[in-house]
């Protein structure tokens, strides 16, 4: 029941100031966001890929308010790609982007976001990797899917994210489950009204399985974004029934959550990609991690109490 409260707090400037000022916050944030700069994150990339894991990198930030901030976001990703080029890891490290960070909500935001994200996708393709467009709240999705479709004309490996808790997602999955597509399925981490989204966990879980079945039986490349052991097991069963080989789908989990499971799946031969965020504008990302799972919130509160 705390989830909606935390998600509301993720949009509150007052809560942002209070939590950012708490002495213990940085210690806890570091569990989920292991660095602020590209130089901070390169050792993490080397360590995880050296263990047989793959990554998707997110420069944290969203809901920017000026075109200049959108340009800064674009340049941050281009700087990341320059570092990845030197590491020569190819598709082992891709990128995830939020179009709100590229100006989607500004005046003429659709065109601005497309203009800013295109050079990032082009630069990623030049080093042998890809970009996935993250899903945000439901009001942004028509624009995101249109940009995804446009980018795939020149960069067919461009991926997108769909969210199981939205009523529209089953239809989106059927449309996207085509040859060459890359689709990450997640439960959803934004506060959405009952008119557009399931509100109960059991409803969301059932929707997740229905959508996952569609993706597995389709011709695209499913990316299973979940830490739920039951859903991971179901994904393996659905992949087997669909006749998929281990390199025809992948699991994705967040940095800092169930690290042992990351290694277990990789050791079994699965593609296991760790969603790894870095940067200074961490607040919204961090609060959604707390809202997603009570254990994350308990971890944060215990740390605050112990530091009293």
Protein backbone atom coordinates (compact mmCIF):
# COMPACT_ATOMS: atom_id res chain seq x y z
CA UNK A 1 0.00 0.00 0.00
CA UNK A 2 2.97 2.30 0.44
CA UNK A 3 3.87 2.03 -3.24
CA UNK A 4 1.48 4.77 -4.49
CA UNK A 5 2.58 7.06 -1.66
CA UNK A 6 6.24 6.65 -2.57
CA UNK A 7 5.50 7.17 -6.27
CA UNK A 8 3.70 10.41 -5.43
CA UNK A 9 6.73 11.47 -3.38
CA UNK A 10 8.94 10.80 -6.41
CA UNK A 11 7.30 13.85 -8.04
CA UNK A 12 7.50 16.07 -4.95
CA UNK A 13 10.18 18.77 -4.85
CA UNK A 14 9.75 19.04 -1.05
CA UNK A 15 10.38 15.31 -0.56
CA UNK A 16 13.30 15.49 -2.97
CA UNK A 17 14.94 18.14 -0.78
CA UNK A 18 14.27 16.26 2.48
CA UNK A 19 15.54 12.90 1.26
CA UNK A 20 18.52 14.36 -0.58
CA UNK A 21 19.59 16.16 2.62
CA UNK A 22 19.44 13.05 4.83
CA UNK A 23 23.01 11.99 5.73
CA UNK A 24 22.31 8.29 5.12
CA UNK A 25 20.77 8.75 1.69
CA UNK A 26 23.94 8.57 -0.36
CA UNK A 27 24.98 5.30 1.26
CA UNK A 28 21.65 3.71 0.34
CA UNK A 29 21.47 5.26 -3.13
CA UNK A 30 24.87 3.74 -3.90
CA UNK A 31 23.28 0.30 -3.66
CA UNK A 32 21.22 1.06 -6.77
CA UNK A 33 23.30 3.78 -8.50
CA UNK A 34 27.01 2.89 -8.28
CA UNK A 35 28.47 6.13 -9.62
CA UNK A 36 27.92 9.69 -10.74
CA UNK A 37 30.31 9.93 -13.73
CA UNK A 38 31.43 7.81 -16.66
CA UNK A 39 34.79 7.34 -14.97
CA UNK A 40 32.99 6.01 -11.88
CA UNK A 41 31.04 3.49 -13.91
CA UNK A 42 33.74 2.04 -16.19
CA UNK A 43 35.14 -0.25 -13.44
CA UNK A 44 31.59 -1.51 -12.80
CA UNK A 45 31.17 -2.30 -16.50
CA UNK A 46 34.46 -4.18 -16.58
CA UNK A 47 33.63 -6.11 -13.42
CA UNK A 48 30.14 -7.21 -14.48
CA UNK A 49 31.06 -8.13 -18.05
CA UNK A 50 34.06 -10.02 -16.69
CA UNK A 51 31.59 -12.17 -14.73
CA UNK A 52 29.67 -13.09 -17.87
CA UNK A 53 26.92 -10.51 -17.43
CA UNK A 54 25.66 -7.98 -19.95
CA UNK A 55 24.50 -4.44 -19.17
CA UNK A 56 22.11 -1.74 -20.22
CA UNK A 57 23.28 1.71 -19.10
CA UNK A 58 20.99 4.51 -17.96
CA UNK A 59 22.22 8.05 -17.37
CA UNK A 60 19.65 9.01 -14.72
CA UNK A 61 17.46 12.04 -15.23
CA UNK A 62 14.01 12.85 -16.55
CA UNK A 63 11.40 15.61 -16.77
CA UNK A 64 13.89 18.23 -17.90
CA UNK A 65 12.52 21.75 -18.37
CA UNK A 66 14.67 23.38 -21.09
CA UNK A 67 16.04 22.42 -24.51
CA UNK A 68 19.54 23.09 -23.17
CA UNK A 69 19.08 20.35 -20.57
CA UNK A 70 17.98 17.97 -23.33
CA UNK A 71 21.18 18.73 -25.21
CA UNK A 72 23.21 18.02 -22.06
CA UNK A 73 21.43 14.66 -21.72
CA UNK A 74 22.21 13.79 -25.33
CA UNK A 75 25.85 14.69 -24.86
CA UNK A 76 26.09 12.60 -21.68
CA UNK A 77 25.06 9.52 -23.65
CA UNK A 78 27.47 10.35 -26.45
CA UNK A 79 30.28 10.61 -23.89
CA UNK A 80 29.28 7.20 -22.53
CA UNK A 81 29.42 5.74 -26.03
CA UNK A 82 32.92 7.16 -26.51
CA UNK A 83 34.05 5.23 -23.41
CA UNK A 84 32.25 2.07 -24.50
CA UNK A 85 33.98 2.26 -27.87
CA UNK A 86 37.36 2.00 -26.12
CA UNK A 87 36.15 -1.07 -24.15
CA UNK A 88 35.13 -2.87 -27.37
CA UNK A 89 32.27 -4.74 -25.72
CA UNK A 90 29.76 -4.39 -28.57
CA UNK A 91 26.24 -5.59 -27.76
CA UNK A 92 27.30 -6.75 -24.29
CA UNK A 93 26.62 -3.17 -23.16
CA UNK A 94 23.65 -1.32 -24.60
CA UNK A 95 21.89 1.83 -23.42
CA UNK A 96 18.45 2.68 -22.06
CA UNK A 97 17.06 6.19 -22.51
CA UNK A 98 14.02 8.06 -21.22
CA UNK A 99 12.67 10.39 -23.86
CA UNK A 100 11.52 12.86 -21.20
CA UNK A 101 15.22 13.46 -20.60
CA UNK A 102 15.59 14.34 -24.30
CA UNK A 103 12.87 17.01 -24.25
CA UNK A 104 9.70 15.00 -24.97
CA UNK A 105 7.52 17.10 -22.62
CA UNK A 106 8.69 20.48 -23.94
CA UNK A 107 7.14 22.54 -26.73
CA UNK A 108 7.44 20.53 -29.96
CA UNK A 109 8.75 17.82 -27.65
CA UNK A 110 8.14 14.86 -29.93
CA UNK A 111 10.30 16.32 -32.68
CA UNK A 112 12.89 17.55 -30.16
CA UNK A 113 13.19 14.15 -28.48
CA UNK A 114 13.55 12.39 -31.83
CA UNK A 115 16.22 14.86 -32.96
CA UNK A 116 18.18 14.39 -29.71
CA UNK A 117 17.94 10.62 -29.46
CA UNK A 118 18.77 9.87 -33.10
CA UNK A 119 22.50 10.73 -32.84
CA UNK A 120 22.71 8.55 -29.70
CA UNK A 121 21.16 5.59 -31.54
CA UNK A 122 23.43 6.23 -34.54
CA UNK A 123 26.56 6.39 -32.37
CA UNK A 124 25.54 3.21 -30.54
CA UNK A 125 25.08 1.37 -33.81
CA UNK A 126 28.53 2.51 -34.93
CA UNK A 127 30.14 0.64 -32.01
CA UNK A 128 28.02 -2.46 -32.50
CA UNK A 129 25.39 -1.95 -29.83
CA UNK A 130 21.82 -0.74 -29.41
CA UNK A 131 19.51 1.61 -27.54
CA UNK A 132 16.26 0.75 -25.79
CA UNK A 133 13.58 3.41 -25.27
CA UNK A 134 12.29 3.19 -21.70
CA UNK A 135 8.55 3.45 -21.05
CA UNK A 136 7.39 6.27 -18.82
CA UNK A 137 3.87 7.24 -17.73
CA UNK A 138 0.99 6.36 -20.06
CA UNK A 139 0.61 9.89 -21.47
CA UNK A 140 4.04 9.63 -23.13
CA UNK A 141 3.67 6.25 -24.81
CA UNK A 142 2.13 7.14 -28.18
CA UNK A 143 5.04 9.50 -28.76
CA UNK A 144 7.58 6.91 -27.57
CA UNK A 145 6.20 4.20 -29.85
CA UNK A 146 6.15 6.57 -32.82
CA UNK A 147 9.79 7.53 -32.21
CA UNK A 148 10.65 3.85 -31.83
CA UNK A 149 9.02 3.05 -35.17
CA UNK A 150 10.84 5.92 -36.87
CA UNK A 151 14.25 4.95 -35.48
CA UNK A 152 13.82 1.31 -36.46
CA UNK A 153 13.64 2.33 -40.12
CA UNK A 154 17.39 3.03 -40.01
CA UNK A 155 18.35 1.17 -36.82
CA UNK A 156 16.16 -1.94 -36.63
CA UNK A 157 17.79 -3.12 -33.41
CA UNK A 158 16.34 -0.20 -31.44
CA UNK A 159 14.34 -1.62 -28.55
CA UNK A 160 11.40 -0.42 -26.52
CA UNK A 161 9.76 -1.16 -23.17
CA UNK A 162 6.18 -2.17 -22.46
CA UNK A 163 4.51 -2.23 -19.03
CA UNK A 164 2.28 -5.13 -17.99
CA UNK A 165 0.07 -3.08 -15.67
CA UNK A 166 -1.37 -0.95 -18.49
CA UNK A 167 -4.55 -2.17 -20.18
CA UNK A 168 -3.19 -1.22 -23.61
CA UNK A 169 -0.08 -3.39 -23.33
CA UNK A 170 -1.54 -6.68 -24.60
CA UNK A 171 -2.42 -4.99 -27.90
CA UNK A 172 0.98 -3.26 -28.01
CA UNK A 173 2.73 -6.61 -27.50
CA UNK A 174 0.88 -8.23 -30.39
CA UNK A 175 1.90 -5.37 -32.64
CA UNK A 176 5.52 -5.39 -31.51
CA UNK A 177 6.15 -9.16 -31.52
CA UNK A 178 7.51 -9.12 -35.04
CA UNK A 179 10.76 -10.31 -36.57
CA UNK A 180 13.71 -8.17 -35.55
CA UNK A 181 11.97 -6.38 -32.69
CA UNK A 182 13.50 -6.11 -29.22
CA UNK A 183 10.93 -5.66 -26.45
CA UNK A 184 11.56 -5.42 -22.71
CA UNK A 185 8.57 -6.36 -20.58
CA UNK A 186 8.34 -4.87 -17.07
CA UNK A 187 5.50 -4.68 -14.55
CA UNK A 188 5.47 -0.86 -14.48
CA UNK A 189 6.80 1.65 -11.97
CA UNK A 190 4.70 4.82 -12.35
CA UNK A 191 1.58 5.89 -10.47
CA UNK A 192 -1.20 5.28 -13.01
CA UNK A 193 -4.97 5.79 -12.61
CA UNK A 194 -7.39 2.87 -12.44
CA UNK A 195 -8.84 3.96 -15.79
CA UNK A 196 -5.69 2.85 -17.62
CA UNK A 197 -3.88 0.34 -15.39
CA UNK A 198 -4.37 -2.65 -13.14
CA UNK A 199 -3.97 -1.69 -9.49
CA UNK A 200 -3.65 -5.07 -7.75
CA UNK A 201 -0.48 -7.16 -7.76
CA UNK A 202 -2.23 -10.40 -8.75
CA UNK A 203 -3.87 -8.64 -11.73
CA UNK A 204 -0.52 -7.22 -12.84
CA UNK A 205 1.19 -10.61 -12.52
CA UNK A 206 -1.50 -12.29 -14.64
CA UNK A 207 -1.20 -9.58 -17.28
CA UNK A 208 2.58 -9.98 -17.25
CA UNK A 209 2.28 -13.70 -18.05
CA UNK A 210 -0.26 -13.09 -20.84
CA UNK A 211 1.96 -10.46 -22.46
CA UNK A 212 5.09 -12.56 -22.02
CA UNK A 213 3.36 -15.50 -23.73
CA UNK A 214 2.58 -13.24 -26.70
CA UNK A 215 6.21 -12.11 -26.93
CA UNK A 216 7.63 -15.62 -26.60
CA UNK A 217 5.32 -16.97 -29.29
CA UNK A 218 6.10 -14.04 -31.59
CA UNK A 219 9.08 -13.51 -33.86
CA UNK A 220 10.89 -10.81 -31.91
CA UNK A 221 13.44 -10.85 -29.11
CA UNK A 222 11.82 -10.73 -25.64
CA UNK A 223 13.68 -9.13 -22.73
CA UNK A 224 12.21 -10.24 -19.40
CA UNK A 225 12.51 -7.41 -16.90
CA UNK A 226 11.66 -8.97 -13.55
CA UNK A 227 13.17 -10.03 -10.23
CA UNK A 228 10.19 -12.23 -9.36
CA UNK A 229 11.37 -15.89 -9.06
CA UNK A 230 7.95 -17.18 -10.11
CA UNK A 231 7.85 -15.03 -13.26
CA UNK A 232 11.41 -15.99 -14.13
CA UNK A 233 10.46 -19.65 -13.90
CA UNK A 234 7.36 -19.08 -16.03
CA UNK A 235 9.48 -17.24 -18.60
CA UNK A 236 11.79 -20.24 -18.88
CA UNK A 237 8.81 -22.56 -19.36
CA UNK A 238 7.26 -20.32 -22.02
CA UNK A 239 10.60 -20.04 -23.84
CA UNK A 240 10.92 -23.84 -23.85
CA UNK A 241 7.36 -24.32 -25.14
CA UNK A 242 8.00 -21.76 -27.89
CA UNK A 243 11.15 -23.62 -28.94
CA UNK A 244 13.43 -20.71 -28.18
CA UNK A 245 17.17 -21.20 -27.75
CA UNK A 246 18.99 -19.51 -24.87
CA UNK A 247 20.26 -16.73 -27.15
CA UNK A 248 16.76 -15.90 -28.41
CA UNK A 249 15.64 -14.03 -25.29
CA UNK A 250 17.24 -12.52 -22.21
CA UNK A 251 16.61 -11.65 -18.58
CA UNK A 252 17.11 -8.15 -17.24
CA UNK A 253 17.38 -7.11 -13.60
CA UNK A 254 18.39 -3.96 -11.77
CA UNK A 255 21.85 -3.33 -10.41
CA UNK A 256 21.81 -3.83 -6.65
CA UNK A 257 18.90 -6.26 -6.56
CA UNK A 258 19.33 -10.08 -6.46
CA UNK A 259 22.94 -10.05 -7.59
CA UNK A 260 23.33 -13.77 -6.85
CA UNK A 261 20.44 -14.48 -9.22
CA UNK A 262 22.19 -12.50 -11.96
CA UNK A 263 25.18 -14.81 -11.68
CA UNK A 264 23.08 -17.97 -11.42
CA UNK A 265 21.18 -17.29 -14.62
CA UNK A 266 24.37 -16.37 -16.48
CA UNK A 267 26.04 -19.56 -15.25
CA UNK A 268 23.13 -21.57 -16.67
CA UNK A 269 23.80 -20.08 -20.09
CA UNK A 270 21.08 -17.44 -20.10
CA UNK A 271 21.70 -13.95 -21.34
CA UNK A 272 21.49 -11.87 -18.18
CA UNK A 273 21.57 -8.08 -18.59
CA UNK A 274 21.96 -5.78 -15.58
CA UNK A 275 20.17 -2.43 -15.77
CA UNK A 276 22.85 -0.10 -14.41
CA UNK A 277 22.09 3.56 -13.76
CA UNK A 278 24.53 6.33 -12.94
CA UNK A 279 24.57 10.11 -12.65
CA UNK A 280 23.66 12.87 -10.22
CA UNK A 281 19.92 13.29 -10.92
CA UNK A 282 19.05 10.06 -9.12
CA UNK A 283 15.97 10.98 -7.09
CA UNK A 284 13.12 9.81 -9.35
CA UNK A 285 14.87 6.57 -10.24
CA UNK A 286 15.70 5.84 -6.60
CA UNK A 287 12.16 6.46 -5.37
CA UNK A 288 10.68 4.08 -7.95
CA UNK A 289 13.09 1.38 -6.77
CA UNK A 290 11.75 1.87 -3.23
CA UNK A 291 8.15 1.73 -4.46
CA UNK A 292 8.63 -1.45 -6.46
CA UNK A 293 9.56 -3.70 -3.58
CA UNK A 294 8.92 -3.42 0.17
CA UNK A 295 12.34 -4.95 0.92
CA UNK A 296 14.01 -1.97 -0.74
CA UNK A 297 12.06 0.43 1.47
CA UNK A 298 12.86 -1.61 4.59
CA UNK A 299 16.54 -1.52 3.64
CA UNK A 300 16.39 2.28 3.35
CA UNK A 301 14.51 2.77 6.64
CA UNK A 302 16.79 0.40 8.57
CA UNK A 303 19.79 2.34 7.32
CA UNK A 304 18.26 5.64 8.42
CA UNK A 305 17.48 4.25 11.90
CA UNK A 306 20.92 2.69 12.32
CA UNK A 307 22.55 5.99 11.42
CA UNK A 308 20.05 7.76 13.74
